[in-house]
Amino acid sequence: MDGFYYSIASGSTGNCAVWRMGGTSILLDLGVSVRALTTALRGLQMKVEDLAAVLLTHEHADHVKGLATFCKKYDVPVYASFGTTAAIRMKLPQAQRLLQPFASGESFAVGGLQVHSYATPHDAAESVCYRIDGGGHRLAYVTDIGYLPDEIRSAMIGCDTVVLESNHDVEMLRTGPYPMYLKQRIRGKYGHLCNEDCARTAADLVRHGTKRLILSHLSEKNNRPLTAYHATQYALEKQHLACELYVAPRGAMEEPVAVPTTPKEGEQCCLFG
């Protein structure tokens, strides 16, 4: 399978995914152990050395958990914003040899793919999201974001595959077990995107040509896969729209999301892992 998206982990305990397109494989975040990474790659008939790069969104543990061991064992370049790089160096000076810093908003090439970065509103040093162009396809990877600025919305328009945060159900968060300060953080401008905001954005994206949506970074305590799925599906049906709709599980997906050479119009399916 030449083109695919595969979520290895998604959620508050770990985030990591593979995007393969045009013969180039990129790892998005490294919030799993190296053992879990190598096991997942083996299932894809890949090894770590097949990766052209690792792209980090920010320095929170659920996105860099495996970095310390990774830096000891491999020579794959790790791209991160200047702010994220500085935060990582403070804790993991040994990561210096692999880190490739850039300013949020910069673009750069990885293999045959063009990577565009965008600053995200999140409580991190200099968090970013990505759009990756090449191989006749365009991926948007947008997670850990309090709200969607116009620049990021514009960047997502026209992406045939979109990974978008659907972190929490507002009512579940309100009545859930988290302390008030944490609830306020999650709902704040620098926290996480709720199901309803994700759903409204998803409908707009599909209206402009998105074929595949992967809902990601679901809260274990404040969301459920079916709750997130139904919120977005309802928003699509309300506007007579359809696409492939997936929910990234906390663990690895059962199968990669295939990205065909010729995308299929209006195809629907659901994958919970």
Protein backbone atom coordinates (compact mmCIF):
# COMPACT_ATOMS: atom_id res chain seq x y z
CA MET A 1 0.00 0.00 0.00
CA ASP A 2 1.74 3.17 -1.14
CA GLY A 3 -0.54 5.84 0.29
CA PHE A 4 -2.06 5.66 3.76
CA TYR A 5 -2.58 7.25 7.18
CA TYR A 6 -2.12 5.02 10.21
CA SER A 7 -2.74 6.07 13.81
CA ILE A 8 -0.50 4.23 16.28
CA ALA A 9 -1.90 6.09 19.30
CA SER A 10 -4.31 8.97 19.81
CA GLY A 11 -5.43 10.62 23.03
CA SER A 12 -4.19 12.07 26.29
CA THR A 13 -1.89 9.11 26.98
CA GLY A 14 -0.07 9.13 23.65
CA ASN A 15 -0.13 10.39 20.07
CA CYS A 16 1.71 8.99 17.08
CA ALA A 17 0.83 8.36 13.43
CA VAL A 18 2.35 7.50 10.06
CA TRP A 19 1.64 9.31 6.81
CA ARG A 20 2.97 7.59 3.71
CA MET A 21 2.60 9.20 0.33
CA GLY A 22 4.60 9.27 -2.89
CA GLY A 23 7.20 6.86 -1.51
CA THR A 24 7.94 9.04 1.55
CA SER A 25 6.98 7.99 5.09
CA ILE A 26 6.67 10.57 7.87
CA LEU A 27 5.99 9.99 11.58
CA LEU A 28 3.67 12.55 13.17
CA ASP A 29 4.50 12.91 16.88
CA LEU A 30 6.25 10.30 19.03
CA GLY A 31 4.08 9.88 22.09
CA VAL A 32 4.61 6.10 22.33
CA SER A 33 7.52 3.92 23.39
CA VAL A 34 10.03 2.88 20.76
CA ARG A 35 8.93 -0.71 21.33
CA ALA A 36 5.31 0.19 20.52
CA LEU A 37 6.49 2.15 17.49
CA THR A 38 8.59 -0.67 16.08
CA THR A 39 5.78 -3.17 16.67
CA ALA A 40 3.29 -0.97 14.84
CA LEU A 41 5.68 -0.36 11.96
CA ARG A 42 6.35 -4.08 11.67
CA GLY A 43 2.63 -4.59 11.16
CA LEU A 44 2.89 -2.17 8.23
CA GLN A 45 5.88 -4.10 6.88
CA MET A 46 8.08 -1.13 7.77
CA LYS A 47 10.96 -0.37 10.09
CA VAL A 48 12.09 2.86 11.75
CA GLU A 49 14.82 3.35 9.17
CA ASP A 50 12.11 3.65 6.50
CA LEU A 51 10.95 6.93 8.04
CA ALA A 52 12.16 10.06 6.29
CA ALA A 53 11.44 12.27 9.32
CA VAL A 54 9.55 12.75 12.56
CA LEU A 55 7.37 15.87 12.84
CA LEU A 56 6.57 17.01 16.38
CA THR A 57 3.61 19.27 17.13
CA HIS A 58 4.80 20.28 20.62
CA GLU A 59 6.72 19.12 23.69
CA HIS A 60 3.95 17.68 25.91
CA ALA A 61 4.72 14.16 27.11
CA ASP A 62 1.91 12.52 25.17
CA HIS A 63 3.62 13.70 21.97
CA VAL A 64 7.30 13.06 22.78
CA LYS A 65 7.22 10.11 25.17
CA GLY A 66 9.45 7.92 23.04
CA LEU A 67 11.94 10.57 21.99
CA ALA A 68 14.68 9.83 24.56
CA THR A 69 15.10 6.21 23.50
CA PHE A 70 14.55 7.08 19.84
CA CYS A 71 17.48 9.51 19.90
CA LYS A 72 19.78 6.85 21.32
CA LYS A 73 18.95 4.24 18.69
CA TYR A 74 18.18 5.97 15.40
CA ASP A 75 19.36 8.73 13.06
CA VAL A 76 16.02 9.89 11.67
CA PRO A 77 15.74 13.72 11.68
CA VAL A 78 13.19 15.17 14.10
CA TYR A 79 11.56 18.44 13.03
CA ALA A 80 10.13 20.78 15.68
CA SER A 81 9.51 24.50 16.07
CA PHE A 82 12.18 26.62 17.76
CA GLY A 83 10.07 26.84 20.90
CA THR A 84 9.42 23.11 21.00
CA THR A 85 13.09 22.41 20.30
CA ALA A 86 14.18 24.63 23.20
CA ALA A 87 11.71 22.93 25.57
CA ILE A 88 12.92 19.48 24.52
CA ARG A 89 16.58 20.41 24.88
CA MET A 90 15.96 21.44 28.48
CA LYS A 91 14.81 17.93 29.35
CA LEU A 92 16.60 15.86 26.70
CA PRO A 93 19.91 17.45 25.70
CA GLN A 94 20.81 14.23 23.90
CA ALA A 95 18.05 14.97 21.37
CA GLN A 96 20.14 17.87 20.00
CA ARG A 97 21.80 15.74 17.31
CA LEU A 98 18.48 14.84 15.64
CA LEU A 99 16.51 18.05 16.10
CA GLN A 100 15.85 20.17 13.02
CA PRO A 101 14.33 23.43 14.32
CA PHE A 102 12.11 25.75 12.30
CA ALA A 103 9.96 28.81 12.97
CA SER A 104 6.23 28.20 13.09
CA GLY A 105 4.82 29.25 9.73
CA GLU A 106 7.83 27.93 7.81
CA SER A 107 7.66 25.30 5.06
CA PHE A 108 10.27 22.68 4.22
CA ALA A 109 10.74 19.57 2.11
CA VAL A 110 10.92 16.01 3.43
CA GLY A 111 11.67 13.55 0.66
CA GLY A 112 9.16 14.18 -2.10
CA LEU A 113 6.72 15.93 0.23
CA GLN A 114 6.32 19.59 1.13
CA VAL A 115 5.56 20.27 4.80
CA HIS A 116 3.83 23.50 5.87
CA SER A 117 3.67 24.44 9.57
CA TYR A 118 1.14 26.69 11.30
CA ALA A 119 1.20 28.09 14.84
CA THR A 120 -1.58 26.67 17.00
CA PRO A 121 -3.26 28.14 20.11
CA HIS A 122 -2.27 25.63 22.79
CA ASP A 123 -0.55 25.88 26.17
CA ALA A 124 2.84 24.78 24.90
CA ALA A 125 6.12 26.50 24.03
CA GLU A 126 5.46 26.94 20.29
CA SER A 127 2.98 24.31 19.16
CA VAL A 128 2.19 23.78 15.49
CA CYS A 129 -0.02 21.80 13.18
CA TYR A 130 0.92 20.62 9.70
CA ARG A 131 -0.26 20.42 6.13
CA ILE A 132 1.67 17.97 3.98
CA ASP A 133 1.46 18.23 0.18
CA GLY A 134 2.75 15.77 -2.37
CA GLY A 135 2.06 12.56 -4.23
CA GLY A 136 -1.13 14.06 -5.61
CA HIS A 137 -2.65 14.38 -2.10
CA ARG A 138 -2.80 16.83 0.76
CA LEU A 139 -3.01 15.96 4.47
CA ALA A 140 -3.93 18.31 7.32
CA TYR A 141 -2.88 17.20 10.81
CA VAL A 142 -4.56 19.50 13.33
CA THR A 143 -4.71 18.50 16.98
CA ASP A 144 -4.17 19.97 20.48
CA ILE A 145 -5.80 23.27 19.56
CA GLY A 146 -8.07 25.51 21.61
CA TYR A 147 -9.80 26.99 18.58
CA LEU A 148 -9.22 27.17 14.83
CA PRO A 149 -7.67 30.46 13.64
CA ASP A 150 -8.59 31.62 10.13
CA GLU A 151 -5.10 30.83 8.82
CA ILE A 152 -5.42 27.18 9.82
CA ARG A 153 -8.99 26.92 8.50
CA SER A 154 -7.77 28.24 5.16
CA ALA A 155 -4.84 25.82 5.12
CA MET A 156 -7.20 22.88 5.71
CA ILE A 157 -9.51 23.79 2.83
CA GLY A 158 -8.83 21.52 -0.13
CA CYS A 159 -7.04 18.82 1.90
CA ASP A 160 -8.42 15.45 0.80
CA THR A 161 -7.39 13.83 4.12
CA VAL A 162 -7.84 15.66 7.44
CA VAL A 163 -6.89 14.54 10.94
CA LEU A 164 -8.79 16.82 13.29
CA GLU A 165 -9.08 16.94 17.07
CA SER A 166 -12.46 16.00 18.55
CA ASN A 167 -11.30 16.01 22.13
CA HIS A 168 -14.34 16.28 24.37
CA ASP A 169 -18.08 16.41 24.69
CA VAL A 170 -18.94 19.71 26.40
CA GLU A 171 -21.56 18.21 28.71
CA MET A 172 -19.38 15.24 29.67
CA LEU A 173 -16.57 17.63 30.51
CA ARG A 174 -18.90 19.87 32.54
CA THR A 175 -20.25 17.02 34.67
CA GLY A 176 -17.09 14.92 34.66
CA PRO A 177 -14.50 14.23 37.37
CA TYR A 178 -11.87 16.80 36.40
CA PRO A 179 -11.18 19.69 38.82
CA MET A 180 -12.50 23.07 37.74
CA TYR A 181 -9.11 24.51 36.77
CA LEU A 182 -8.54 21.61 34.37
CA LYS A 183 -12.01 21.93 32.87
CA GLN A 184 -11.33 25.61 32.28
CA ARG A 185 -7.99 24.83 30.68
CA ILE A 186 -9.51 22.29 28.29
CA ARG A 187 -12.35 24.62 27.27
CA GLY A 188 -10.09 27.68 27.05
CA LYS A 189 -8.47 29.36 24.03
CA TYR A 190 -5.29 27.32 24.52
CA GLY A 191 -6.88 23.98 25.34
CA HIS A 192 -8.64 21.42 23.16
CA LEU A 193 -11.32 21.34 20.48
CA CYS A 194 -14.76 20.00 21.43
CA ASN A 195 -16.90 17.64 19.35
CA GLU A 196 -19.28 20.38 18.21
CA ASP A 197 -16.52 22.69 16.96
CA CYS A 198 -14.87 19.77 15.20
CA ALA A 199 -18.18 18.79 13.58
CA ARG A 200 -18.89 22.29 12.25
CA THR A 201 -15.40 22.50 10.78
CA ALA A 202 -15.69 19.02 9.29
CA ALA A 203 -18.84 19.94 7.39
CA ASP A 204 -17.12 22.98 5.92
CA LEU A 205 -14.10 20.90 4.89
CA VAL A 206 -16.19 18.22 3.20
CA ARG A 207 -18.13 20.90 1.36
CA HIS A 208 -14.78 22.02 -0.05
CA GLY A 209 -13.56 18.60 -1.12
CA THR A 210 -12.27 16.66 1.89
CA LYS A 211 -12.75 12.93 1.28
CA ARG A 212 -11.41 11.41 4.51
CA LEU A 213 -11.78 12.68 8.08
CA ILE A 214 -10.02 11.07 11.05
CA LEU A 215 -11.27 12.32 14.41
CA SER A 216 -8.39 12.33 16.87
CA HIS A 217 -7.14 13.02 20.41
CA LEU A 218 -10.37 11.92 22.12
CA SER A 219 -10.44 12.38 25.88
CA GLU A 220 -10.67 9.12 27.80
CA LYS A 221 -12.81 10.71 30.54
CA ASN A 222 -14.79 13.34 28.64
CA ASN A 223 -15.68 11.68 25.34
CA ARG A 224 -16.60 8.42 23.67
CA PRO A 225 -15.79 7.28 20.13
CA LEU A 226 -19.47 6.97 19.19
CA THR A 227 -20.27 10.36 20.72
CA ALA A 228 -17.57 12.06 18.65
CA TYR A 229 -18.51 10.12 15.54
CA HIS A 230 -22.21 10.92 15.79
CA ALA A 231 -21.55 14.63 16.36
CA THR A 232 -19.63 14.92 13.11
CA GLN A 233 -21.86 12.53 11.19
CA TYR A 234 -24.93 14.53 12.22
CA ALA A 235 -23.33 17.78 11.03
CA LEU A 236 -22.56 16.16 7.68
CA GLU A 237 -26.00 14.62 7.21
CA LYS A 238 -27.68 17.89 8.15
CA GLN A 239 -26.03 19.46 5.10
CA HIS A 240 -26.41 16.36 2.89
CA LEU A 241 -22.67 15.76 2.87
CA ALA A 242 -20.72 12.51 3.01
CA CYS A 243 -17.13 11.36 3.34
CA GLU A 244 -15.09 8.55 4.84
CA LEU A 245 -15.30 9.16 8.58
CA TYR A 246 -12.98 7.45 11.07
CA VAL A 247 -12.31 7.73 14.79
CA ALA A 248 -8.70 7.15 15.83
CA PRO A 249 -8.66 4.78 18.84
CA ARG A 250 -6.43 5.22 21.88
CA GLY A 251 -4.31 2.34 20.64
CA ALA A 252 -3.29 1.40 17.13
CA MET A 253 -5.83 1.25 14.32
CA GLU A 254 -6.71 -2.21 13.07
CA GLU A 255 -5.96 -1.16 9.49
CA PRO A 256 -4.42 1.88 7.82
CA VAL A 257 -6.70 4.41 6.18
CA ALA A 258 -5.91 3.84 2.52
CA VAL A 259 -5.48 6.92 0.34
CA PRO A 260 -6.16 5.71 -3.22
CA THR A 261 -4.59 7.17 -6.32
CA THR A 262 -8.05 8.19 -7.45
CA PRO A 263 -10.17 9.22 -4.43
CA LYS A 264 -13.68 7.82 -4.37
CA GLU A 265 -16.50 10.34 -4.32
CA GLY A 266 -18.92 10.32 -1.41
CA GLU A 267 -17.75 7.09 0.15
CA GLN A 268 -18.69 6.52 3.79
CA CYS A 269 -17.31 4.20 6.44
CA CYS A 270 -16.38 4.20 10.10
CA LEU A 271 -13.37 2.76 11.89
CA PHE A 272 -13.00 2.68 15.66
CA GLY A 273 -9.80 0.64 15.65
